[in-house]
Amino acid sequence: MQDLFEEQLKVLRAASLDRHLSEIGTAQGPEIEIAARRLLNFSSNDYLGLANDSRIREAAIAAVGEFGVGAGASRLISGTQSPHLRLERALAGWKGTEAALCFSSGYAAALGSIPALVTKNDVVLLDKLCHASLIDGAKLSGAILRVFPHNNLRKLESHLEWARREYAGRRVLIVTESVFSMDGDRAPLRELVQLKKQFDALLMLDEAHAVGVIGPHGRGLAAEENLSDDVDVQMGTMSKALGASGGYICGSHDLIEWLINRARSFIYSTAPPPAIAAAALAAVNFLSSSEGEERRLLLWERINLMRQLLLQLNVECWTPARDISELDVGRSISSSKRLTPNAPTSAIYPLLVGDEQAALNLAAALKTEGFLVPAIRYPTVAKGAARLRITVTAAHQEDQIRALYPAIKGNLL
């Protein structure tokens, strides 16, 4: 048993694709401690700095005092407690939908909802850069799966024509993200809605990296584009900008009732701890307030500052408008094209390196100088497309962001 995976691990190590856990000895924040060393943290999805915010912590503590720690059972048995229902009502109101349903994680939301929406002989059309949870949910559904190149509307339209011709009368589900987690670019949502209407399809939008960042009061890309009513299934997470944990689906009353009856990851999972639901509710209430909107606008000040600094580097923050196959993945970061001065689209800046070991080396060099910016490698991204994924939060101070620039510049020379 001891040697069962030895050869496979050797292959991973030889390809610079093995991974390791790092123990963090502090709360999430712009500074964290790893191995008794303080590092400036540019890797977190805690975009609004709420994971250690006093309001969120106090809401969780109060809920523990009232409801205890564990929920005790699945939601359909005896695990639905008042904090869960309060959170779902607040999410629906905030997102402008009829109803909402919470899951233990965003992954569970995808795995439970997609197989409940489509089944054998239905069709799922999935953006190539969608999150693993969406891919796995689509595969688990048993539906016919077709992948279209990233944000390629022409190919999506071709897939829709094929689906309507070959599977007439069957359900067709388009699945995409509003902000793509490893590239930071946005989906062309308005055009996707037009295609969805033209071909009478359903549209599922994962707002995980848009919620709290984009749109009025952080309601996401659908709200910013005023298209909430045109998105059939809005998926999101409380684990990133909301500073808590869990995932959700927002939509019509009938959709949510159907998921309660058919989403296996919901039906057969113990309910999330009530304290986590209470913490997420406090985050939603904060985002809905004027103070929450000020925090979101502060985040965009930090995002714009990072953009201005990275523009001074002779490198490319790669936010691809093309398929990975069109990218010269063999080139080094030093020979990449200069950044174009487009407005930033999210809090995510992917610094493309290409080679896996080179990305590890750059991340290690930055860590030596006091910065945590982990290397992102296959299978999270395509082979030969390794990068450093820089994320900005509202909790970062200007001087912390400015300190990262010379560190990157010095290690690219």
Protein backbone atom coordinates (compact mmCIF):
# COMPACT_ATOMS: atom_id res chain seq x y z
CA MET A 1 0.00 0.00 0.00
CA GLN A 2 2.89 2.34 0.82
CA ASP A 3 4.23 2.19 -2.75
CA LEU A 4 0.85 2.22 -4.50
CA PHE A 5 1.16 5.80 -5.77
CA GLU A 6 4.94 6.14 -5.72
CA GLU A 7 5.42 5.98 -9.49
CA GLN A 8 2.58 8.39 -10.20
CA LEU A 9 4.00 10.86 -7.69
CA LYS A 10 7.40 10.61 -9.35
CA VAL A 11 5.80 11.54 -12.67
CA LEU A 12 4.13 14.57 -11.09
CA ARG A 13 7.38 15.72 -9.50
CA ALA A 14 9.32 15.29 -12.74
CA ALA A 15 6.81 17.52 -14.53
CA SER A 16 6.81 20.14 -11.72
CA LEU A 17 3.14 19.40 -11.11
CA ASP A 18 3.21 18.06 -7.53
CA ARG A 19 1.46 20.16 -4.89
CA HIS A 20 1.83 20.63 -1.16
CA LEU A 21 -0.20 22.16 1.64
CA SER A 22 1.11 25.18 3.51
CA GLU A 23 -0.10 25.77 7.06
CA ILE A 24 -1.26 29.33 7.64
CA GLY A 25 -1.03 30.35 11.28
CA THR A 26 -3.21 33.46 11.11
CA ALA A 27 -6.60 34.63 9.92
CA GLN A 28 -7.06 35.52 6.25
CA GLY A 29 -5.93 39.02 5.43
CA PRO A 30 -3.42 41.05 3.42
CA GLU A 31 -0.71 39.71 5.74
CA ILE A 32 -0.57 36.07 6.80
CA GLU A 33 1.91 33.83 8.57
CA ILE A 34 3.40 30.68 7.04
CA ALA A 35 6.09 28.76 8.93
CA ALA A 36 6.41 31.61 11.43
CA ARG A 37 7.10 34.08 8.63
CA ARG A 38 4.94 37.08 7.73
CA LEU A 39 4.04 37.36 4.05
CA LEU A 40 2.05 39.89 2.05
CA ASN A 41 -0.83 37.84 0.70
CA PHE A 42 -1.75 38.35 -2.98
CA SER A 43 -3.41 34.97 -3.42
CA SER A 44 -6.71 35.23 -1.52
CA ASN A 45 -10.25 35.43 -2.91
CA ASP A 46 -11.32 37.39 0.18
CA TYR A 47 -11.85 40.37 -2.11
CA LEU A 48 -13.57 42.66 0.39
CA GLY A 49 -11.54 41.66 3.44
CA LEU A 50 -14.61 40.23 5.19
CA ALA A 51 -13.20 36.85 6.26
CA ASN A 52 -11.86 38.40 9.48
CA ASP A 53 -14.20 41.39 9.68
CA SER A 54 -15.63 41.98 13.16
CA ARG A 55 -19.24 42.11 11.90
CA ILE A 56 -18.95 38.70 10.27
CA ARG A 57 -17.18 37.15 13.26
CA GLU A 58 -19.71 38.55 15.73
CA ALA A 59 -22.64 37.22 13.68
CA ALA A 60 -21.08 33.75 13.67
CA ILE A 61 -20.36 33.85 17.40
CA ALA A 62 -23.92 34.92 18.20
CA ALA A 63 -25.33 32.10 16.08
CA VAL A 64 -23.14 29.54 17.86
CA GLY A 65 -24.54 30.76 21.15
CA GLU A 66 -28.12 30.38 19.92
CA PHE A 67 -27.97 27.38 17.56
CA GLY A 68 -24.81 25.48 18.50
CA VAL A 69 -22.10 24.36 16.11
CA GLY A 70 -23.42 21.60 13.84
CA ALA A 71 -26.77 21.50 12.02
CA GLY A 72 -27.22 17.85 12.98
CA ALA A 73 -28.84 16.53 9.82
CA SER A 74 -29.60 17.22 6.18
CA ARG A 75 -31.91 20.11 5.39
CA LEU A 76 -34.83 17.81 4.51
CA ILE A 77 -34.55 15.80 7.74
CA SER A 78 -34.07 18.22 10.62
CA GLY A 79 -31.13 20.40 9.60
CA THR A 80 -32.93 23.48 8.28
CA GLN A 81 -32.51 26.13 10.94
CA SER A 82 -33.57 29.74 11.02
CA PRO A 83 -30.17 31.13 9.83
CA HIS A 84 -30.38 29.05 6.64
CA LEU A 85 -33.80 30.42 5.74
CA ARG A 86 -32.87 33.99 6.65
CA LEU A 87 -29.81 33.76 4.42
CA GLU A 88 -31.79 32.40 1.48
CA ARG A 89 -34.39 35.15 1.75
CA ALA A 90 -31.65 37.76 1.89
CA LEU A 91 -29.79 36.25 -1.09
CA ALA A 92 -32.92 36.24 -3.22
CA GLY A 93 -33.69 39.85 -2.32
CA TRP A 94 -30.11 40.95 -2.93
CA LYS A 95 -29.83 39.13 -6.27
CA GLY A 96 -33.31 40.19 -7.38
CA THR A 97 -34.70 36.67 -7.83
CA GLU A 98 -37.77 34.91 -6.50
CA ALA A 99 -35.89 32.42 -4.36
CA ALA A 100 -32.50 30.99 -3.41
CA LEU A 101 -31.07 27.72 -2.11
CA CYS A 102 -27.81 27.30 -0.21
CA PHE A 103 -25.35 24.41 -0.49
CA SER A 104 -22.37 23.41 1.62
CA SER A 105 -19.98 24.67 -1.08
CA GLY A 106 -19.95 26.18 -4.56
CA TYR A 107 -18.72 22.81 -5.82
CA ALA A 108 -21.73 21.11 -4.27
CA ALA A 109 -24.03 23.70 -5.84
CA ALA A 110 -22.71 22.87 -9.31
CA LEU A 111 -22.67 19.09 -8.78
CA GLY A 112 -26.23 19.11 -7.47
CA SER A 113 -27.90 21.63 -9.75
CA ILE A 114 -26.67 20.71 -13.25
CA PRO A 115 -27.76 17.04 -13.08
CA ALA A 116 -31.13 18.27 -11.77
CA LEU A 117 -31.50 20.63 -14.74
CA VAL A 118 -30.52 18.27 -17.56
CA THR A 119 -30.34 14.53 -18.08
CA LYS A 120 -29.74 11.90 -20.79
CA ASN A 121 -30.33 13.23 -24.34
CA ASP A 122 -30.38 16.83 -23.12
CA VAL A 123 -27.43 19.03 -24.13
CA VAL A 124 -24.95 21.06 -22.07
CA LEU A 125 -22.81 23.68 -23.84
CA LEU A 126 -19.89 24.66 -21.65
CA ASP A 127 -17.22 27.36 -21.97
CA LYS A 128 -13.78 25.72 -22.20
CA LEU A 129 -12.45 27.67 -19.19
CA CYS A 130 -15.34 26.90 -16.83
CA HIS A 131 -14.48 25.81 -13.29
CA ALA A 132 -13.95 22.11 -12.56
CA SER A 133 -17.17 21.97 -10.54
CA LEU A 134 -19.21 22.99 -13.59
CA ILE A 135 -17.41 20.47 -15.78
CA ASP A 136 -17.95 17.70 -13.25
CA GLY A 137 -21.60 18.62 -12.79
CA ALA A 138 -22.14 18.52 -16.57
CA LYS A 139 -20.45 15.10 -16.83
CA LEU A 140 -22.42 13.74 -13.89
CA SER A 141 -25.71 14.77 -15.50
CA GLY A 142 -25.37 12.23 -18.32
CA ALA A 143 -26.35 14.90 -20.84
CA ILE A 144 -24.55 15.29 -24.16
CA LEU A 145 -21.66 17.65 -23.47
CA ARG A 146 -20.12 20.04 -25.99
CA VAL A 147 -17.37 22.52 -25.11
CA PHE A 148 -16.95 25.80 -27.00
CA PRO A 149 -13.65 27.76 -27.09
CA HIS A 150 -13.44 30.43 -24.43
CA ASN A 151 -15.98 33.23 -25.03
CA ASN A 152 -16.29 32.15 -28.69
CA LEU A 153 -19.81 33.20 -29.60
CA ARG A 154 -19.59 31.97 -33.18
CA LYS A 155 -18.73 28.44 -32.07
CA LEU A 156 -21.42 28.53 -29.40
CA GLU A 157 -23.98 29.53 -32.02
CA SER A 158 -22.83 26.61 -34.17
CA HIS A 159 -23.25 24.25 -31.22
CA LEU A 160 -26.74 25.63 -30.56
CA GLU A 161 -27.75 25.09 -34.19
CA TRP A 162 -26.43 21.52 -33.97
CA ALA A 163 -28.25 20.85 -30.71
CA ARG A 164 -31.57 22.11 -32.02
CA ARG A 165 -31.16 20.06 -35.20
CA GLU A 166 -29.96 16.79 -33.66
CA TYR A 167 -31.81 16.94 -30.34
CA ALA A 168 -35.00 18.78 -31.21
CA GLY A 169 -37.33 19.17 -28.27
CA ARG A 170 -34.64 18.41 -25.71
CA ARG A 171 -33.41 20.84 -23.07
CA VAL A 172 -30.27 22.82 -23.93
CA LEU A 173 -28.26 24.41 -21.11
CA ILE A 174 -25.50 26.99 -21.67
CA VAL A 175 -23.05 27.12 -18.75
CA THR A 176 -20.48 29.87 -18.22
CA GLU A 177 -18.86 32.06 -15.60
CA SER A 178 -19.28 35.81 -15.31
CA VAL A 179 -15.63 36.28 -14.25
CA PHE A 180 -13.22 33.45 -15.07
CA SER A 181 -11.23 32.44 -12.03
CA MET A 182 -7.79 31.92 -13.56
CA ASP A 183 -7.85 34.68 -16.19
CA GLY A 184 -9.97 37.42 -14.63
CA ASP A 185 -11.84 38.22 -17.84
CA ARG A 186 -15.60 38.43 -18.20
CA ALA A 187 -18.17 36.55 -20.24
CA PRO A 188 -19.93 38.47 -23.06
CA LEU A 189 -23.17 38.17 -21.13
CA ARG A 190 -25.40 40.35 -23.29
CA GLU A 191 -24.55 38.33 -26.40
CA LEU A 192 -24.99 35.06 -24.51
CA VAL A 193 -28.47 36.13 -23.46
CA GLN A 194 -29.31 36.94 -27.09
CA LEU A 195 -28.19 33.49 -28.24
CA LYS A 196 -30.02 31.82 -25.37
CA LYS A 197 -33.27 33.54 -26.41
CA GLN A 198 -32.73 32.88 -30.12
CA PHE A 199 -32.36 29.14 -29.56
CA ASP A 200 -34.74 28.78 -26.61
CA ALA A 201 -31.98 27.52 -24.31
CA LEU A 202 -31.38 27.89 -20.59
CA LEU A 203 -28.47 29.95 -19.25
CA MET A 204 -26.57 29.13 -16.06
CA LEU A 205 -24.14 31.80 -14.85
CA ASP A 206 -21.55 31.19 -12.14
CA GLU A 207 -20.95 34.54 -10.43
CA ALA A 208 -18.38 33.23 -7.92
CA HIS A 209 -15.67 35.79 -8.71
CA ALA A 210 -18.06 38.63 -9.60
CA VAL A 211 -20.19 38.66 -6.45
CA GLY A 212 -19.05 41.39 -4.10
CA VAL A 213 -16.83 42.88 -6.80
CA ILE A 214 -18.98 43.78 -9.81
CA GLY A 215 -22.37 45.44 -10.10
CA PRO A 216 -24.33 47.67 -7.73
CA HIS A 217 -23.73 46.52 -4.15
CA GLY A 218 -21.65 43.64 -5.53
CA ARG A 219 -24.64 41.81 -7.00
CA GLY A 220 -22.61 40.51 -9.95
CA LEU A 221 -22.28 40.88 -13.70
CA ALA A 222 -25.93 40.05 -14.43
CA ALA A 223 -26.98 42.98 -12.23
CA GLU A 224 -24.37 45.31 -13.74
CA GLU A 225 -25.62 44.48 -17.25
CA ASN A 226 -29.26 44.69 -16.07
CA LEU A 227 -29.79 41.12 -17.26
CA SER A 228 -30.75 39.36 -14.03
CA ASP A 229 -34.20 38.46 -15.35
CA ASP A 230 -32.65 36.85 -18.43
CA VAL A 231 -30.33 34.46 -16.55
CA ASP A 232 -32.25 31.32 -15.65
CA VAL A 233 -29.83 29.99 -13.03
CA GLN A 234 -27.57 32.29 -11.02
CA MET A 235 -24.90 30.42 -9.10
CA GLY A 236 -22.54 31.95 -6.58
CA THR A 237 -20.51 31.43 -3.46
CA MET A 238 -20.25 32.82 0.05
CA SER A 239 -16.66 31.57 0.26
CA LYS A 240 -14.90 34.43 -1.55
CA ALA A 241 -15.94 38.09 -1.33
CA LEU A 242 -18.56 37.33 1.33
CA GLY A 243 -15.86 35.98 3.65
CA ALA A 244 -17.82 32.93 4.85
CA SER A 245 -18.39 29.52 3.22
CA GLY A 246 -20.90 27.74 1.01
CA GLY A 247 -22.56 28.09 -2.38
CA TYR A 248 -25.99 29.07 -3.62
CA ILE A 249 -28.37 28.95 -6.56
CA CYS A 250 -30.77 31.83 -7.19
CA GLY A 251 -33.73 31.73 -9.57
CA SER A 252 -37.46 31.17 -9.79
CA HIS A 253 -39.58 29.58 -7.07
CA ASP A 254 -40.11 26.53 -9.29
CA LEU A 255 -36.38 26.13 -9.94
CA ILE A 256 -35.55 26.20 -6.23
CA GLU A 257 -38.38 23.82 -5.35
CA TRP A 258 -37.13 21.43 -8.04
CA LEU A 259 -33.58 21.56 -6.69
CA ILE A 260 -34.81 20.84 -3.18
CA ASN A 261 -36.35 17.68 -4.58
CA ARG A 262 -33.67 16.64 -7.07
CA ALA A 263 -30.24 18.13 -6.24
CA ARG A 264 -28.45 15.16 -4.67
CA SER A 265 -25.64 17.22 -3.11
CA PHE A 266 -28.33 19.18 -1.26
CA ILE A 267 -30.59 16.28 -0.33
CA TYR A 268 -27.87 13.97 0.96
CA SER A 269 -25.57 16.42 2.75
CA THR A 270 -25.72 17.58 6.33
CA ALA A 271 -26.72 21.24 6.39
CA PRO A 272 -23.96 23.85 6.70
CA PRO A 273 -23.29 25.03 10.26
CA PRO A 274 -25.86 27.68 11.25
CA ALA A 275 -23.05 30.01 12.31
CA ILE A 276 -21.67 29.99 8.76
CA ALA A 277 -25.11 30.85 7.40
CA ALA A 278 -25.38 33.70 9.93
CA ALA A 279 -21.94 34.98 8.92
CA ALA A 280 -22.89 34.92 5.24
CA LEU A 281 -26.12 36.77 6.04
CA ALA A 282 -24.14 39.48 7.82
CA ALA A 283 -21.94 39.80 4.73
CA VAL A 284 -24.96 40.13 2.41
CA ASN A 285 -26.46 42.77 4.70
CA PHE A 286 -23.14 44.62 4.74
CA LEU A 287 -22.87 44.59 0.96
CA SER A 288 -26.43 45.88 0.69
CA SER A 289 -25.51 48.92 2.80
CA SER A 290 -23.87 52.19 1.79
CA GLU A 291 -20.81 51.19 3.79
CA GLY A 292 -20.59 47.95 1.84
CA GLU A 293 -20.72 49.84 -1.44
CA GLU A 294 -17.92 52.11 -0.21
CA ARG A 295 -15.83 49.01 0.53
CA ARG A 296 -16.48 47.70 -2.98
CA LEU A 297 -15.46 51.01 -4.53
CA LEU A 298 -12.31 50.98 -2.40
CA LEU A 299 -11.54 47.56 -3.86
CA TRP A 300 -11.73 49.06 -7.34
CA GLU A 301 -9.29 51.78 -6.33
CA ARG A 302 -6.87 49.02 -5.35
CA ILE A 303 -7.58 47.11 -8.56
CA ASN A 304 -6.84 50.18 -10.67
CA LEU A 305 -3.64 50.87 -8.75
CA MET A 306 -2.39 47.35 -9.43
CA ARG A 307 -3.23 47.77 -13.09
CA GLN A 308 -1.27 51.02 -13.33
CA LEU A 309 1.78 49.39 -11.76
CA LEU A 310 1.68 46.28 -13.92
CA LEU A 311 1.42 48.42 -17.04
CA GLN A 312 4.92 49.64 -16.26
CA LEU A 313 6.28 46.11 -16.64
CA ASN A 314 7.26 44.80 -20.04
CA VAL A 315 5.07 41.75 -19.53
CA GLU A 316 1.57 40.65 -20.32
CA CYS A 317 -1.16 40.05 -17.79
CA TRP A 318 -2.90 37.48 -19.90
CA THR A 319 -6.66 37.85 -20.11
CA PRO A 320 -7.23 35.78 -23.27
CA ALA A 321 -9.88 36.62 -25.80
CA ARG A 322 -8.75 33.56 -27.72
CA ASP A 323 -8.47 29.83 -27.35
CA ILE A 324 -5.42 28.45 -25.54
CA SER A 325 -4.39 26.65 -28.74
CA GLU A 326 -3.66 30.03 -30.34
CA LEU A 327 -1.24 30.99 -27.58
CA ASP A 328 2.48 30.51 -28.02
CA VAL A 329 2.84 28.75 -24.69
CA GLY A 330 6.56 28.19 -25.18
CA ARG A 331 7.55 31.85 -24.99
CA SER A 332 9.03 33.22 -21.80
CA ILE A 333 7.39 35.92 -19.74
CA SER A 334 10.16 38.37 -20.56
CA SER A 335 9.34 38.21 -24.26
CA SER A 336 5.58 38.68 -23.86
CA LYS A 337 3.82 41.65 -25.33
CA ARG A 338 3.39 44.74 -23.22
CA LEU A 339 0.13 45.16 -21.38
CA THR A 340 -2.56 47.04 -23.28
CA PRO A 341 -4.14 49.86 -21.24
CA ASN A 342 -7.62 48.36 -21.16
CA ALA A 343 -9.73 48.94 -18.07
CA PRO A 344 -9.42 46.10 -15.54
CA THR A 345 -12.29 43.62 -15.52
CA SER A 346 -11.89 42.01 -12.10
CA ALA A 347 -9.63 41.70 -9.05
CA ILE A 348 -7.64 38.91 -10.75
CA TYR A 349 -4.37 39.49 -12.61
CA PRO A 350 -2.87 36.37 -14.24
CA LEU A 351 0.84 36.82 -14.94
CA LEU A 352 1.53 34.27 -17.66
CA VAL A 353 4.83 32.40 -17.39
CA GLY A 354 4.22 29.29 -19.51
CA ASP A 355 6.66 26.72 -18.17
CA GLU A 356 5.59 25.04 -14.92
CA GLN A 357 9.01 25.05 -13.28
CA ALA A 358 9.61 28.66 -14.28
CA ALA A 359 6.33 29.63 -12.59
CA LEU A 360 7.37 27.77 -9.44
CA ASN A 361 10.73 29.52 -9.49
CA LEU A 362 9.14 32.96 -9.80
CA ALA A 363 6.67 32.22 -6.98
CA ALA A 364 9.54 31.01 -4.77
CA ALA A 365 11.58 34.12 -5.51
CA LEU A 366 8.68 36.37 -4.55
CA LYS A 367 8.09 34.35 -1.38
CA THR A 368 11.74 34.89 -0.43
CA GLU A 369 11.09 38.62 -0.68
CA GLY A 370 7.97 38.35 1.50
CA PHE A 371 5.10 37.93 -1.02
CA LEU A 372 2.68 35.02 -1.35
CA VAL A 373 1.73 34.66 -5.02
CA PRO A 374 1.46 30.91 -5.70
CA ALA A 375 2.12 29.36 -9.11
CA ILE A 376 -0.98 28.04 -10.88
CA ARG A 377 -0.29 24.96 -12.99
CA TYR A 378 -1.97 22.10 -14.81
CA PRO A 379 -4.63 20.79 -14.34
CA THR A 380 -6.00 24.09 -12.99
CA VAL A 381 -4.80 25.69 -16.22
CA ALA A 382 -3.67 24.15 -19.51
CA LYS A 383 -0.27 22.52 -19.80
CA GLY A 384 2.32 25.12 -20.74
CA ALA A 385 0.11 27.96 -19.54
CA ALA A 386 1.35 28.17 -15.94
CA ARG A 387 1.02 31.57 -14.35
CA LEU A 388 1.12 33.54 -11.16
CA ARG A 389 -2.39 34.60 -10.22
CA ILE A 390 -2.29 37.96 -8.44
CA THR A 391 -5.44 38.95 -6.57
CA VAL A 392 -6.19 42.32 -5.02
CA THR A 393 -8.44 42.97 -2.02
CA ALA A 394 -9.95 46.02 -0.40
CA ALA A 395 -7.93 45.17 2.71
CA HIS A 396 -4.61 45.80 0.93
CA GLN A 397 -2.98 49.11 1.70
CA GLU A 398 -1.56 51.16 -1.16
CA ASP A 399 2.01 50.70 0.05
CA GLN A 400 1.55 46.92 0.10
CA ILE A 401 0.44 46.92 -3.52
CA ARG A 402 3.22 49.27 -4.53
CA ALA A 403 5.77 46.98 -2.82
CA LEU A 404 4.83 44.06 -5.06
CA TYR A 405 5.74 45.90 -8.27
CA PRO A 406 9.53 46.18 -7.75
CA ALA A 407 9.65 42.59 -6.49
CA ILE A 408 8.08 41.30 -9.68
CA LYS A 409 10.18 43.61 -11.85
CA GLY A 410 13.41 42.57 -10.16
CA ASN A 411 12.70 38.89 -10.66
CA LEU A 412 11.77 39.27 -14.32
CA LEU A 413 15.08 40.89 -15.30
